[in-house]
């Protein structure tokens, strides 16, 4: 697959399941948390509504990189996306991407003074993209073993996401 095809696979996967495991380096080690994001392809970023006071903004801005993990087991597709982080001070954008789920965390709505936007910009990604049929995987493993070869179980690539 060409790199642009792989980039498109990443963006499609991000859009298909908008809750990601986001990992970053914090003062006491690596912290990972689930976060719901909004894809902004036009500006090449993923936006998250979050609290100013929880520490994720400070941690993300101090962390050299932030990672998003994707897992689509039914398609045998996995990815780790390395991102840079920034805080976006744009109340109108916050209103545009506001969701009912955000209301659960911010009862005062998008006007809540603790609501802010975290933007993650993909820099690179490593993907593992294999056959989605378990029968096909078993066949490829058996064939490779019989022939004394390494099985072809799909693509493993690191790509530039910029």
N, C-alpha and C. Protein backbone atom coordinates (compact mmCIF):
# COMPACT_ATOMS: atom_id res chain seq x y z
N UNK A 1 0.84 -1.19 0.00
CA UNK A 1 0.00 0.00 0.00
C UNK A 1 0.88 1.25 0.00
N UNK A 2 0.49 2.23 -0.73
CA UNK A 2 1.20 3.50 -0.75
C UNK A 2 0.97 4.22 0.58
N UNK A 3 1.93 5.09 0.93
CA UNK A 3 1.83 5.78 2.22
C UNK A 3 0.53 6.58 2.33
N UNK A 4 0.10 7.22 1.25
CA UNK A 4 -1.15 7.99 1.34
C UNK A 4 -2.34 7.07 1.61
N UNK A 5 -2.30 5.86 1.08
CA UNK A 5 -3.36 4.89 1.37
C UNK A 5 -3.33 4.51 2.85
N UNK A 6 -2.13 4.33 3.39
CA UNK A 6 -2.00 3.99 4.79
C UNK A 6 -2.44 5.15 5.67
N UNK A 7 -2.09 6.37 5.28
CA UNK A 7 -2.55 7.54 6.01
C UNK A 7 -4.08 7.58 6.02
N UNK A 8 -4.68 7.32 4.88
CA UNK A 8 -6.14 7.33 4.79
C UNK A 8 -6.75 6.25 5.68
N UNK A 9 -6.10 5.08 5.74
CA UNK A 9 -6.59 4.00 6.63
C UNK A 9 -6.60 4.47 8.08
N UNK A 10 -5.55 5.21 8.48
CA UNK A 10 -5.48 5.72 9.85
C UNK A 10 -6.63 6.69 10.10
N UNK A 11 -6.81 7.67 9.21
CA UNK A 11 -7.88 8.66 9.40
C UNK A 11 -9.26 8.00 9.39
N UNK A 12 -9.46 7.01 8.54
CA UNK A 12 -10.73 6.29 8.48
C UNK A 12 -10.96 5.54 9.79
N UNK A 13 -9.92 4.90 10.30
CA UNK A 13 -10.03 4.17 11.56
C UNK A 13 -10.31 5.12 12.73
N UNK A 14 -9.66 6.27 12.73
CA UNK A 14 -9.90 7.26 13.78
C UNK A 14 -11.36 7.73 13.74
N UNK A 15 -11.88 7.95 12.54
CA UNK A 15 -13.26 8.43 12.40
C UNK A 15 -14.28 7.35 12.76
N UNK A 16 -13.94 6.09 12.50
CA UNK A 16 -14.89 4.99 12.73
C UNK A 16 -15.15 4.73 14.21
N UNK A 17 -14.17 4.93 15.02
CA UNK A 17 -14.30 4.66 16.46
C UNK A 17 -13.68 5.83 17.21
N UNK A 18 -14.47 6.85 17.51
CA UNK A 18 -13.91 8.10 18.04
C UNK A 18 -13.54 8.10 19.53
N UNK A 19 -13.52 6.95 20.17
CA UNK A 19 -13.00 6.89 21.54
C UNK A 19 -11.68 6.14 21.47
N UNK A 20 -10.63 6.81 21.94
CA UNK A 20 -9.27 6.28 21.81
C UNK A 20 -8.63 6.14 23.18
N UNK A 21 -7.63 5.32 23.25
CA UNK A 21 -6.78 5.26 24.43
C UNK A 21 -5.64 6.24 24.17
N UNK A 22 -5.60 7.30 24.97
CA UNK A 22 -4.61 8.37 24.81
C UNK A 22 -3.57 8.20 25.92
N UNK A 23 -2.30 8.10 25.50
CA UNK A 23 -1.20 7.93 26.46
C UNK A 23 -0.24 9.09 26.36
N UNK A 24 0.25 9.51 27.53
CA UNK A 24 1.24 10.59 27.56
C UNK A 24 2.15 10.40 28.76
N UNK A 25 3.29 11.07 28.70
CA UNK A 25 4.24 11.00 29.80
C UNK A 25 3.84 12.04 30.83
N UNK A 26 3.59 11.57 32.04
CA UNK A 26 3.24 12.47 33.14
C UNK A 26 4.40 12.44 34.14
N UNK A 27 4.30 13.23 35.17
CA UNK A 27 5.36 13.31 36.16
C UNK A 27 5.72 11.98 36.78
N UNK A 28 4.74 11.10 36.95
CA UNK A 28 4.97 9.83 37.63
C UNK A 28 5.02 8.64 36.67
N UNK A 29 5.19 8.88 35.38
CA UNK A 29 5.28 7.79 34.40
C UNK A 29 4.32 8.01 33.24
N UNK A 30 3.95 6.93 32.60
CA UNK A 30 3.03 7.01 31.46
C UNK A 30 1.60 6.88 31.98
N UNK A 31 0.74 7.78 31.54
CA UNK A 31 -0.69 7.74 31.90
C UNK A 31 -1.49 7.49 30.63
N UNK A 32 -2.45 6.59 30.72
CA UNK A 32 -3.33 6.27 29.60
C UNK A 32 -4.76 6.41 30.06
N UNK A 33 -5.58 7.03 29.20
CA UNK A 33 -7.00 7.22 29.54
C UNK A 33 -7.82 7.18 28.27
N UNK A 34 -9.07 6.71 28.36
CA UNK A 34 -9.95 6.77 27.19
C UNK A 34 -10.45 8.20 27.02
N UNK A 35 -10.49 8.65 25.77
CA UNK A 35 -11.00 10.00 25.47
C UNK A 35 -11.75 9.96 24.14
N UNK A 36 -12.87 10.68 24.10
CA UNK A 36 -13.66 10.80 22.87
C UNK A 36 -13.15 12.00 22.09
N UNK A 37 -12.86 11.79 20.81
CA UNK A 37 -12.32 12.86 19.99
C UNK A 37 -13.18 13.19 18.79
N UNK A 38 -12.93 14.35 18.24
CA UNK A 38 -13.62 14.83 17.04
C UNK A 38 -12.55 15.06 15.98
N UNK A 39 -12.69 14.39 14.84
CA UNK A 39 -11.72 14.52 13.76
C UNK A 39 -11.91 15.87 13.06
N UNK A 40 -10.81 16.57 12.86
CA UNK A 40 -10.78 17.82 12.09
C UNK A 40 -9.74 17.63 10.99
N UNK A 41 -10.16 16.94 9.92
CA UNK A 41 -9.24 16.61 8.82
C UNK A 41 -8.71 17.86 8.14
N UNK A 42 -9.55 18.88 8.04
CA UNK A 42 -9.15 20.11 7.36
C UNK A 42 -7.90 20.71 8.01
N UNK A 43 -7.82 20.60 9.33
CA UNK A 43 -6.66 21.16 10.04
C UNK A 43 -5.73 20.08 10.56
N UNK A 44 -5.95 18.83 10.12
CA UNK A 44 -5.06 17.72 10.42
C UNK A 44 -4.88 17.52 11.93
N UNK A 45 -6.02 17.37 12.63
CA UNK A 45 -5.93 17.21 14.08
C UNK A 45 -7.17 16.49 14.60
N UNK A 46 -7.05 16.05 15.85
CA UNK A 46 -8.15 15.44 16.57
C UNK A 46 -8.40 16.33 17.78
N UNK A 47 -9.64 16.71 17.99
CA UNK A 47 -9.99 17.62 19.07
C UNK A 47 -10.69 16.88 20.20
N UNK A 48 -10.36 17.24 21.42
CA UNK A 48 -10.95 16.64 22.61
C UNK A 48 -11.45 17.75 23.53
N UNK A 49 -12.68 17.62 24.00
CA UNK A 49 -13.19 18.52 25.02
C UNK A 49 -12.72 17.94 26.35
N UNK A 50 -12.05 18.76 27.15
CA UNK A 50 -11.54 18.28 28.42
C UNK A 50 -11.57 19.39 29.47
N UNK A 51 -11.28 19.00 30.69
CA UNK A 51 -11.24 19.95 31.80
C UNK A 51 -9.88 20.63 31.87
N UNK A 52 -9.90 21.90 32.18
CA UNK A 52 -8.64 22.61 32.42
C UNK A 52 -7.97 22.11 33.69
N UNK A 53 -8.78 21.75 34.70
CA UNK A 53 -8.22 21.43 36.03
C UNK A 53 -7.76 19.99 36.20
N UNK A 54 -8.05 19.08 35.29
CA UNK A 54 -7.70 17.67 35.50
C UNK A 54 -6.23 17.39 35.34
N UNK A 55 -5.51 18.27 34.73
CA UNK A 55 -4.08 18.06 34.54
C UNK A 55 -3.70 17.55 33.17
N UNK A 56 -4.66 17.01 32.40
CA UNK A 56 -4.27 16.47 31.10
C UNK A 56 -3.72 17.54 30.17
N UNK A 57 -4.24 18.75 30.25
CA UNK A 57 -3.72 19.81 29.39
C UNK A 57 -2.25 20.06 29.71
N UNK A 58 -1.95 20.29 30.97
CA UNK A 58 -0.55 20.51 31.37
C UNK A 58 0.34 19.33 31.05
N UNK A 59 -0.16 18.11 31.33
CA UNK A 59 0.63 16.91 31.05
C UNK A 59 0.89 16.76 29.55
N UNK A 60 -0.14 16.99 28.76
CA UNK A 60 0.00 16.84 27.30
C UNK A 60 0.97 17.87 26.73
N UNK A 61 0.90 19.10 27.22
CA UNK A 61 1.77 20.14 26.71
C UNK A 61 3.23 19.94 27.15
N UNK A 62 3.44 19.31 28.30
CA UNK A 62 4.80 19.03 28.77
C UNK A 62 5.37 17.75 28.17
N UNK A 63 4.50 16.83 27.74
CA UNK A 63 4.93 15.54 27.21
C UNK A 63 5.55 15.74 25.83
N UNK A 64 6.69 15.09 25.56
CA UNK A 64 7.29 15.25 24.23
C UNK A 64 6.40 14.72 23.11
N UNK A 65 5.64 13.69 23.42
CA UNK A 65 4.69 13.15 22.45
C UNK A 65 3.49 12.59 23.21
N UNK A 66 2.39 12.50 22.50
CA UNK A 66 1.18 11.87 23.01
C UNK A 66 0.85 10.77 22.01
N UNK A 67 0.39 9.64 22.50
CA UNK A 67 0.09 8.51 21.62
C UNK A 67 -1.38 8.14 21.71
N UNK A 68 -1.94 7.81 20.57
CA UNK A 68 -3.32 7.31 20.49
C UNK A 68 -3.23 5.86 20.02
N UNK A 69 -3.88 4.96 20.74
CA UNK A 69 -3.91 3.55 20.35
C UNK A 69 -5.28 3.21 19.78
N UNK A 70 -5.27 2.52 18.64
CA UNK A 70 -6.50 2.08 17.98
C UNK A 70 -6.48 0.57 17.86
N UNK A 71 -7.62 -0.05 18.05
CA UNK A 71 -7.72 -1.49 17.91
C UNK A 71 -9.07 -1.82 17.28
N UNK A 72 -9.03 -2.36 16.08
CA UNK A 72 -10.24 -2.83 15.40
C UNK A 72 -10.05 -4.33 15.19
N UNK A 73 -10.29 -5.08 16.24
CA UNK A 73 -10.01 -6.51 16.22
C UNK A 73 -10.79 -7.24 15.15
N UNK A 74 -12.04 -6.81 14.89
CA UNK A 74 -12.85 -7.49 13.88
C UNK A 74 -12.24 -7.35 12.49
N UNK A 75 -11.40 -6.36 12.29
CA UNK A 75 -10.74 -6.17 10.99
C UNK A 75 -9.25 -6.49 11.04
N UNK A 76 -8.77 -6.93 12.21
CA UNK A 76 -7.36 -7.24 12.41
C UNK A 76 -6.50 -6.02 12.06
N UNK A 77 -6.96 -4.86 12.52
CA UNK A 77 -6.27 -3.59 12.26
C UNK A 77 -5.92 -2.94 13.60
N UNK A 78 -4.65 -2.58 13.74
CA UNK A 78 -4.16 -1.96 14.96
C UNK A 78 -3.24 -0.81 14.57
N UNK A 79 -3.25 0.24 15.39
CA UNK A 79 -2.38 1.37 15.09
C UNK A 79 -2.00 2.10 16.38
N UNK A 80 -0.81 2.66 16.35
CA UNK A 80 -0.34 3.56 17.41
C UNK A 80 0.05 4.85 16.70
N UNK A 81 -0.64 5.94 17.03
CA UNK A 81 -0.44 7.22 16.35
C UNK A 81 0.27 8.16 17.31
N UNK A 82 1.44 8.64 16.91
CA UNK A 82 2.20 9.59 17.71
C UNK A 82 1.78 11.00 17.32
N UNK A 83 1.49 11.83 18.33
CA UNK A 83 0.94 13.17 18.08
C UNK A 83 1.69 14.23 18.87
N UNK A 84 1.57 15.45 18.39
CA UNK A 84 1.97 16.60 19.19
C UNK A 84 0.68 17.19 19.76
N UNK A 85 0.81 17.90 20.89
CA UNK A 85 -0.38 18.41 21.58
C UNK A 85 -0.36 19.92 21.68
N UNK A 86 -1.56 20.49 21.67
CA UNK A 86 -1.71 21.92 21.91
C UNK A 86 -3.10 22.16 22.51
N UNK A 87 -3.22 23.28 23.21
CA UNK A 87 -4.52 23.69 23.72
C UNK A 87 -5.08 24.73 22.77
N UNK A 88 -6.36 24.60 22.44
CA UNK A 88 -7.01 25.52 21.52
C UNK A 88 -7.97 26.40 22.32
N UNK A 89 -7.77 27.70 22.23
CA UNK A 89 -8.65 28.66 22.89
C UNK A 89 -9.59 29.25 21.85
N UNK A 90 -10.64 28.51 21.53
CA UNK A 90 -11.59 28.93 20.50
C UNK A 90 -12.98 28.51 20.96
N UNK A 91 -13.69 29.44 21.59
CA UNK A 91 -14.99 29.13 22.16
C UNK A 91 -16.00 28.72 21.08
N UNK A 92 -15.92 29.33 19.91
CA UNK A 92 -16.85 28.99 18.83
C UNK A 92 -16.61 27.55 18.35
N UNK A 93 -15.35 27.16 18.22
CA UNK A 93 -15.03 25.79 17.85
C UNK A 93 -15.50 24.81 18.93
N UNK A 94 -15.31 25.17 20.17
CA UNK A 94 -15.79 24.35 21.28
C UNK A 94 -17.30 24.13 21.15
N UNK A 95 -18.03 25.17 20.85
CA UNK A 95 -19.49 25.06 20.66
C UNK A 95 -19.82 24.15 19.47
N UNK A 96 -19.05 24.25 18.38
CA UNK A 96 -19.31 23.47 17.18
C UNK A 96 -19.15 21.98 17.42
N UNK A 97 -18.16 21.59 18.20
CA UNK A 97 -17.92 20.16 18.38
C UNK A 97 -18.57 19.61 19.65
N UNK A 98 -19.30 20.44 20.37
CA UNK A 98 -19.94 20.02 21.61
C UNK A 98 -20.89 18.87 21.34
N UNK A 99 -20.89 17.87 22.22
CA UNK A 99 -21.75 16.69 22.06
C UNK A 99 -22.55 16.47 23.34
N UNK A 100 -23.61 15.67 23.25
CA UNK A 100 -24.35 15.31 24.47
C UNK A 100 -23.44 14.63 25.51
N UNK A 101 -22.43 13.88 25.05
CA UNK A 101 -21.52 13.25 25.99
C UNK A 101 -20.75 14.31 26.79
N UNK A 102 -20.38 15.39 26.15
CA UNK A 102 -19.68 16.47 26.85
C UNK A 102 -20.54 17.06 27.95
N UNK A 103 -21.86 17.10 27.72
CA UNK A 103 -22.78 17.61 28.75
C UNK A 103 -22.72 16.80 30.04
N UNK A 104 -22.40 15.52 29.90
CA UNK A 104 -22.30 14.67 31.09
C UNK A 104 -21.16 15.13 32.00
N UNK A 105 -20.10 15.66 31.39
CA UNK A 105 -18.92 16.09 32.16
C UNK A 105 -18.96 17.58 32.49
N UNK A 106 -19.72 18.32 31.71
CA UNK A 106 -19.81 19.78 31.88
C UNK A 106 -21.28 20.18 31.91
N UNK A 107 -21.93 20.10 33.07
CA UNK A 107 -23.36 20.39 33.14
C UNK A 107 -23.73 21.81 32.72
N UNK A 108 -22.77 22.74 32.76
CA UNK A 108 -23.04 24.12 32.34
C UNK A 108 -22.86 24.31 30.84
N UNK A 109 -22.65 23.21 30.11
CA UNK A 109 -22.52 23.28 28.66
C UNK A 109 -21.21 23.89 28.21
N UNK A 110 -21.13 24.29 26.95
CA UNK A 110 -19.88 24.81 26.41
C UNK A 110 -19.45 26.14 27.03
N UNK A 111 -20.32 26.75 27.81
CA UNK A 111 -19.94 27.99 28.50
C UNK A 111 -19.26 27.73 29.84
N UNK A 112 -19.12 26.46 30.19
CA UNK A 112 -18.45 26.12 31.45
C UNK A 112 -17.01 26.64 31.39
N UNK A 113 -16.59 27.43 32.35
CA UNK A 113 -15.24 28.01 32.32
C UNK A 113 -14.13 26.96 32.42
N UNK A 114 -14.46 25.74 32.86
CA UNK A 114 -13.45 24.69 32.97
C UNK A 114 -13.32 23.88 31.67
N UNK A 115 -14.19 24.10 30.70
CA UNK A 115 -14.13 23.35 29.43
C UNK A 115 -13.08 23.98 28.52
N UNK A 116 -12.26 23.13 27.93
CA UNK A 116 -11.24 23.60 26.99
C UNK A 116 -11.04 22.54 25.92
N UNK A 117 -10.28 22.88 24.89
CA UNK A 117 -10.01 21.95 23.79
C UNK A 117 -8.54 21.53 23.79
N UNK A 118 -8.34 20.24 23.71
CA UNK A 118 -7.01 19.67 23.51
C UNK A 118 -6.96 19.21 22.06
N UNK A 119 -5.95 19.67 21.33
CA UNK A 119 -5.77 19.25 19.93
C UNK A 119 -4.55 18.34 19.84
N UNK A 120 -4.74 17.18 19.23
CA UNK A 120 -3.63 16.27 18.96
C UNK A 120 -3.42 16.21 17.46
N UNK A 121 -2.21 16.51 17.04
CA UNK A 121 -1.86 16.52 15.61
C UNK A 121 -1.00 15.30 15.30
N UNK A 122 -1.49 14.36 14.50
CA UNK A 122 -0.70 13.17 14.17
C UNK A 122 0.61 13.53 13.46
N UNK A 123 1.69 12.91 13.93
CA UNK A 123 3.02 13.12 13.36
C UNK A 123 3.46 11.86 12.63
N UNK A 124 3.27 10.71 13.27
CA UNK A 124 3.62 9.43 12.65
C UNK A 124 2.69 8.36 13.19
N UNK A 125 2.70 7.22 12.53
CA UNK A 125 1.86 6.11 12.99
C UNK A 125 2.51 4.80 12.61
N UNK A 126 2.33 3.82 13.46
CA UNK A 126 2.72 2.46 13.11
C UNK A 126 1.43 1.66 13.04
N UNK A 127 1.27 0.92 11.95
CA UNK A 127 0.05 0.12 11.79
C UNK A 127 0.39 -1.35 11.62
N UNK A 128 -0.56 -2.15 12.01
CA UNK A 128 -0.56 -3.59 11.76
C UNK A 128 -1.91 -3.86 11.13
N UNK A 129 -1.91 -4.25 9.87
CA UNK A 129 -3.14 -4.42 9.11
C UNK A 129 -3.10 -5.79 8.44
N UNK A 130 -3.84 -6.73 8.99
CA UNK A 130 -3.79 -8.09 8.47
C UNK A 130 -5.13 -8.57 7.97
N UNK A 131 -5.17 -9.80 7.49
CA UNK A 131 -6.44 -10.36 7.02
C UNK A 131 -7.44 -10.45 8.16
N UNK A 132 -8.69 -10.12 7.86
CA UNK A 132 -9.70 -10.10 8.92
C UNK A 132 -10.35 -11.46 9.15
N UNK A 133 -10.13 -12.38 8.27
CA UNK A 133 -10.73 -13.71 8.40
C UNK A 133 -9.81 -14.62 9.21
N UNK A 134 -10.32 -15.16 10.31
CA UNK A 134 -9.51 -16.07 11.13
C UNK A 134 -9.18 -17.35 10.36
N UNK A 135 -10.06 -17.76 9.45
CA UNK A 135 -9.80 -18.93 8.62
C UNK A 135 -8.60 -18.66 7.70
N UNK A 136 -8.56 -17.47 7.11
CA UNK A 136 -7.46 -17.10 6.24
C UNK A 136 -6.15 -17.01 7.02
N UNK A 137 -6.19 -16.46 8.21
CA UNK A 137 -4.99 -16.37 9.05
C UNK A 137 -4.49 -17.78 9.36
N UNK A 138 -5.38 -18.68 9.76
CA UNK A 138 -5.00 -20.06 10.07
C UNK A 138 -4.39 -20.74 8.84
N UNK A 139 -4.99 -20.51 7.67
CA UNK A 139 -4.47 -21.09 6.43
C UNK A 139 -3.07 -20.56 6.13
N UNK A 140 -2.86 -19.26 6.28
CA UNK A 140 -1.55 -18.67 6.00
C UNK A 140 -0.50 -19.17 6.99
N UNK A 141 -0.88 -19.32 8.25
CA UNK A 141 0.06 -19.85 9.24
C UNK A 141 0.44 -21.30 8.91
N UNK A 142 -0.56 -22.10 8.59
CA UNK A 142 -0.30 -23.52 8.26
C UNK A 142 0.55 -23.64 7.00
N UNK A 143 0.22 -22.88 5.97
CA UNK A 143 0.98 -22.92 4.72
C UNK A 143 2.42 -22.52 4.94
N UNK A 144 2.63 -21.45 5.69
CA UNK A 144 3.99 -20.98 5.96
C UNK A 144 4.79 -22.03 6.72
N UNK A 145 4.13 -22.68 7.68
CA UNK A 145 4.81 -23.71 8.46
C UNK A 145 5.22 -24.89 7.58
N UNK A 146 4.32 -25.32 6.72
CA UNK A 146 4.60 -26.44 5.83
C UNK A 146 5.75 -26.09 4.88
N UNK A 147 5.75 -24.86 4.38
CA UNK A 147 6.77 -24.43 3.42
C UNK A 147 8.05 -23.93 4.10
N UNK A 148 8.03 -23.82 5.43
CA UNK A 148 9.20 -23.34 6.15
C UNK A 148 9.47 -21.86 5.94
N UNK A 149 8.40 -21.10 5.76
CA UNK A 149 8.52 -19.65 5.51
C UNK A 149 7.87 -18.87 6.64
N UNK A 150 8.14 -17.57 6.63
CA UNK A 150 7.45 -16.66 7.54
C UNK A 150 6.09 -16.36 6.95
N UNK A 151 5.03 -16.43 7.75
CA UNK A 151 3.69 -16.17 7.20
C UNK A 151 3.49 -14.72 6.80
N UNK A 152 2.76 -14.51 5.72
CA UNK A 152 2.40 -13.16 5.28
C UNK A 152 1.06 -12.84 5.93
N UNK A 153 1.14 -12.09 7.02
CA UNK A 153 -0.08 -11.77 7.76
C UNK A 153 -0.45 -10.30 7.63
N UNK A 154 -0.03 -9.67 6.54
CA UNK A 154 -0.46 -8.31 6.28
C UNK A 154 0.66 -7.30 6.37
N UNK A 155 0.27 -6.05 6.59
CA UNK A 155 1.18 -4.92 6.57
C UNK A 155 1.54 -4.51 7.98
N UNK A 156 2.83 -4.28 8.20
CA UNK A 156 3.31 -3.60 9.40
C UNK A 156 4.20 -2.50 8.88
N UNK A 157 3.80 -1.26 9.13
CA UNK A 157 4.55 -0.13 8.58
C UNK A 157 4.50 1.05 9.53
N UNK A 158 5.56 1.84 9.49
CA UNK A 158 5.58 3.13 10.18
C UNK A 158 5.49 4.20 9.10
N UNK A 159 4.55 5.12 9.26
CA UNK A 159 4.32 6.12 8.22
C UNK A 159 4.34 7.53 8.80
N UNK A 160 4.71 8.45 7.96
CA UNK A 160 4.69 9.88 8.29
C UNK A 160 3.26 10.37 8.11
N UNK A 161 2.70 10.97 9.13
CA UNK A 161 1.30 11.43 9.06
C UNK A 161 1.19 12.92 8.75
N UNK A 162 2.33 13.60 8.54
CA UNK A 162 2.26 15.05 8.30
C UNK A 162 1.88 15.36 6.88
